[in-house]
Amino acid sequence: MPSPALTTSKPSSSYESAGRRLQALIAAPSVQKVQAITVARLDHESPEDWQRLLDEIGETSGVRVETLEGGTVRIGWREYCDA
């Protein structure tokens, strides 16, 4: 019989799920071509976790995070940042 620790997994935080979501969106070939993406927090993602994620992304050299109208955020890097 498997141990209880192996049968139950820790639920991921909204920070982790938002991070995975952004990572997948940013990795898309179409996004890599333009080197920028506009995203918004999903309802199930904690506002505090969302802001923490954006703050950490914004601390990355060569990355710019802009807050747009309606709660959307534009994340850009490389040439987009130089434009």
Foldseek 3Di string as FASTA:
>chain_A
DDDPPVVDDDDDALLVVVVVVVVVVCPDPVCVVVQKDKAARDPRRDPVSVVVNLVVLCVDPQWHWDQDPPRIIMIGGDPVVVD
